[in-house]
Amino acid sequence: MAAFVDTSCLYSTVKNASTKRRFFGYLPPHGQSLDAGEEFTLFGDVTAAVVLDVERATSRHHMAAFEKDVEEGTLEIIKTPSPLLKDVTTGETKMLVLDNGTLSDEDPCWAGTVSDSVDPYQPY
């Protein structure tokens, strides 16, 4: 059986916080239709994904629509990848985590144990 390493900390999750199905044209790869309350998970930081898509296009209308939806509360950003920091003394890489209002560090998700069972994280 194949071994899987947890890479869930490398993904972003957003949520359609409106009361109806909506099309979010700026979500990769070519826009996403989400039901009310539905979440969508994508690799990397959602803001960077929108900006990358805008750089391929000739206008900034996707970025403006993304910003407007976040400001109005139509799209809720649930999670983005945590910052990774390398300790200059030990050389260890840690990521920032917030737990019950307390900011701390921990090993990145992929540094944990390897599972021989099914992939515990299915982003798609």
Protein backbone atom coordinates (compact mmCIF):
# COMPACT_ATOMS: atom_id res chain seq x y z
CA MET A 1 0.00 0.00 0.00
CA ALA A 2 1.27 3.51 -0.79
CA ALA A 3 2.48 5.77 2.01
CA PHE A 4 1.06 9.27 2.36
CA VAL A 5 2.50 12.35 4.03
CA ASP A 6 0.14 15.06 5.29
CA THR A 7 0.41 18.16 3.09
CA SER A 8 -2.85 19.80 4.21
CA CYS A 9 -1.01 22.89 5.52
CA LEU A 10 -0.10 23.78 1.92
CA TYR A 11 -3.74 24.47 0.95
CA SER A 12 -6.22 27.35 1.22
CA THR A 13 -9.93 26.96 1.84
CA VAL A 14 -12.62 29.53 1.03
CA LYS A 15 -16.36 29.42 1.64
CA ASN A 16 -19.37 30.86 -0.18
CA ALA A 17 -20.85 32.80 2.75
CA SER A 18 -23.85 34.03 0.74
CA THR A 19 -27.32 32.52 0.92
CA LYS A 20 -27.36 31.30 -2.69
CA ARG A 21 -25.25 29.48 -5.28
CA ARG A 22 -22.62 31.82 -6.73
CA PHE A 23 -20.00 31.72 -9.44
CA PHE A 24 -16.62 33.06 -8.33
CA GLY A 25 -14.85 33.71 -11.63
CA TYR A 26 -11.50 34.47 -10.02
CA LEU A 27 -11.10 31.08 -8.29
CA PRO A 28 -8.77 28.81 -10.23
CA PRO A 29 -8.55 27.23 -12.59
CA HIS A 30 -11.42 28.84 -14.57
CA GLY A 31 -13.86 29.98 -11.87
CA GLN A 32 -15.87 27.90 -9.42
CA SER A 33 -19.60 27.65 -8.75
CA LEU A 34 -20.25 27.12 -5.05
CA ASP A 35 -23.53 26.41 -3.30
CA ALA A 36 -24.44 28.52 -0.26
CA GLY A 37 -22.09 27.49 2.55
CA GLU A 38 -19.95 25.31 0.27
CA GLU A 39 -16.19 25.33 0.73
CA PHE A 40 -13.52 25.12 -1.97
CA THR A 41 -9.92 24.04 -1.34
CA LEU A 42 -6.98 24.90 -3.57
CA PHE A 43 -3.24 24.43 -3.47
CA GLY A 44 -1.25 27.39 -2.13
CA ASP A 45 -2.42 30.78 -0.99
CA VAL A 46 -5.76 31.85 -2.47
CA THR A 47 -4.66 35.49 -2.84
CA ALA A 48 -1.57 34.46 -4.80
CA ALA A 49 -3.72 32.20 -7.00
CA VAL A 50 -6.04 35.11 -7.85
CA VAL A 51 -3.10 37.42 -8.55
CA LEU A 52 -1.42 34.81 -10.78
CA ASP A 53 -4.64 34.46 -12.75
CA VAL A 54 -4.90 38.25 -13.09
CA GLU A 55 -1.35 38.49 -14.41
CA ARG A 56 -2.31 36.12 -17.22
CA ALA A 57 -5.36 38.24 -18.04
CA THR A 58 -5.35 41.76 -19.44
CA SER A 59 -7.42 43.36 -16.66
CA ARG A 60 -7.47 43.46 -12.87
CA HIS A 61 -11.20 42.84 -12.68
CA HIS A 62 -10.73 39.38 -11.05
CA MET A 63 -8.64 40.84 -8.25
CA ALA A 64 -11.18 43.64 -7.68
CA ALA A 65 -14.07 41.13 -7.61
CA PHE A 66 -12.17 38.93 -5.12
CA GLU A 67 -11.47 41.90 -2.87
CA LYS A 68 -15.10 43.08 -3.07
CA ASP A 69 -16.47 39.63 -2.21
CA VAL A 70 -14.16 39.38 0.82
CA GLU A 71 -15.03 42.92 1.98
CA GLU A 72 -18.77 42.28 1.63
CA GLY A 73 -18.55 38.90 3.34
CA THR A 74 -19.76 36.96 0.30
CA LEU A 75 -16.55 34.91 0.25
CA GLU A 76 -14.99 33.88 3.54
CA ILE A 77 -11.33 32.89 3.70
CA ILE A 78 -11.30 29.91 6.07
CA LYS A 79 -7.63 28.97 5.90
CA THR A 80 -4.41 29.80 4.08
CA PRO A 81 -1.00 28.16 4.39
CA SER A 82 0.81 29.23 7.56
CA PRO A 83 4.07 31.15 7.27
CA LEU A 84 7.15 28.94 7.36
CA LEU A 85 10.17 30.20 9.26
CA LYS A 86 13.68 28.76 9.42
CA ASP A 87 15.42 29.04 12.77
CA VAL A 88 18.83 30.58 12.00
CA THR A 89 20.44 28.84 14.98
CA THR A 90 19.03 25.31 14.74
CA GLY A 91 18.26 25.27 11.02
CA GLU A 92 14.81 23.80 11.75
CA THR A 93 11.79 24.95 9.79
CA LYS A 94 8.64 25.69 11.79
CA MET A 95 5.21 27.04 10.88
CA LEU A 96 3.09 29.47 12.85
CA VAL A 97 -0.11 28.17 14.44
CA LEU A 98 -2.87 29.85 16.42
CA ASP A 99 -4.61 27.74 19.06
CA ASN A 100 -7.27 29.25 21.34
CA GLY A 101 -5.80 32.72 20.86
CA THR A 102 -2.20 31.68 21.51
CA LEU A 103 0.34 32.02 18.70
CA SER A 104 3.08 29.41 18.66
CA ASP A 105 5.11 27.28 16.27
CA GLU A 106 5.09 23.65 15.29
CA ASP A 107 6.65 21.35 12.75
CA PRO A 108 5.21 21.69 9.23
CA CYS A 109 2.42 19.21 8.46
CA TRP A 110 4.60 17.11 6.16
CA ALA A 111 7.20 16.56 8.92
CA GLY A 112 4.76 14.34 10.85
CA THR A 113 4.28 10.62 10.65
CA VAL A 114 3.72 8.79 7.38
CA SER A 115 0.47 6.88 6.95
CA ASP A 116 0.21 3.57 5.09
CA SER A 117 -3.55 3.94 4.77
CA VAL A 118 -5.59 6.05 2.39
CA ASP A 119 -4.63 9.67 1.85
CA PRO A 120 -6.05 11.53 4.89
CA TYR A 121 -6.44 14.77 2.93
CA GLN A 122 -8.33 14.92 -0.34
CA PRO A 123 -8.34 18.55 -1.52
CA TYR A 124 -10.39 17.91 -4.65
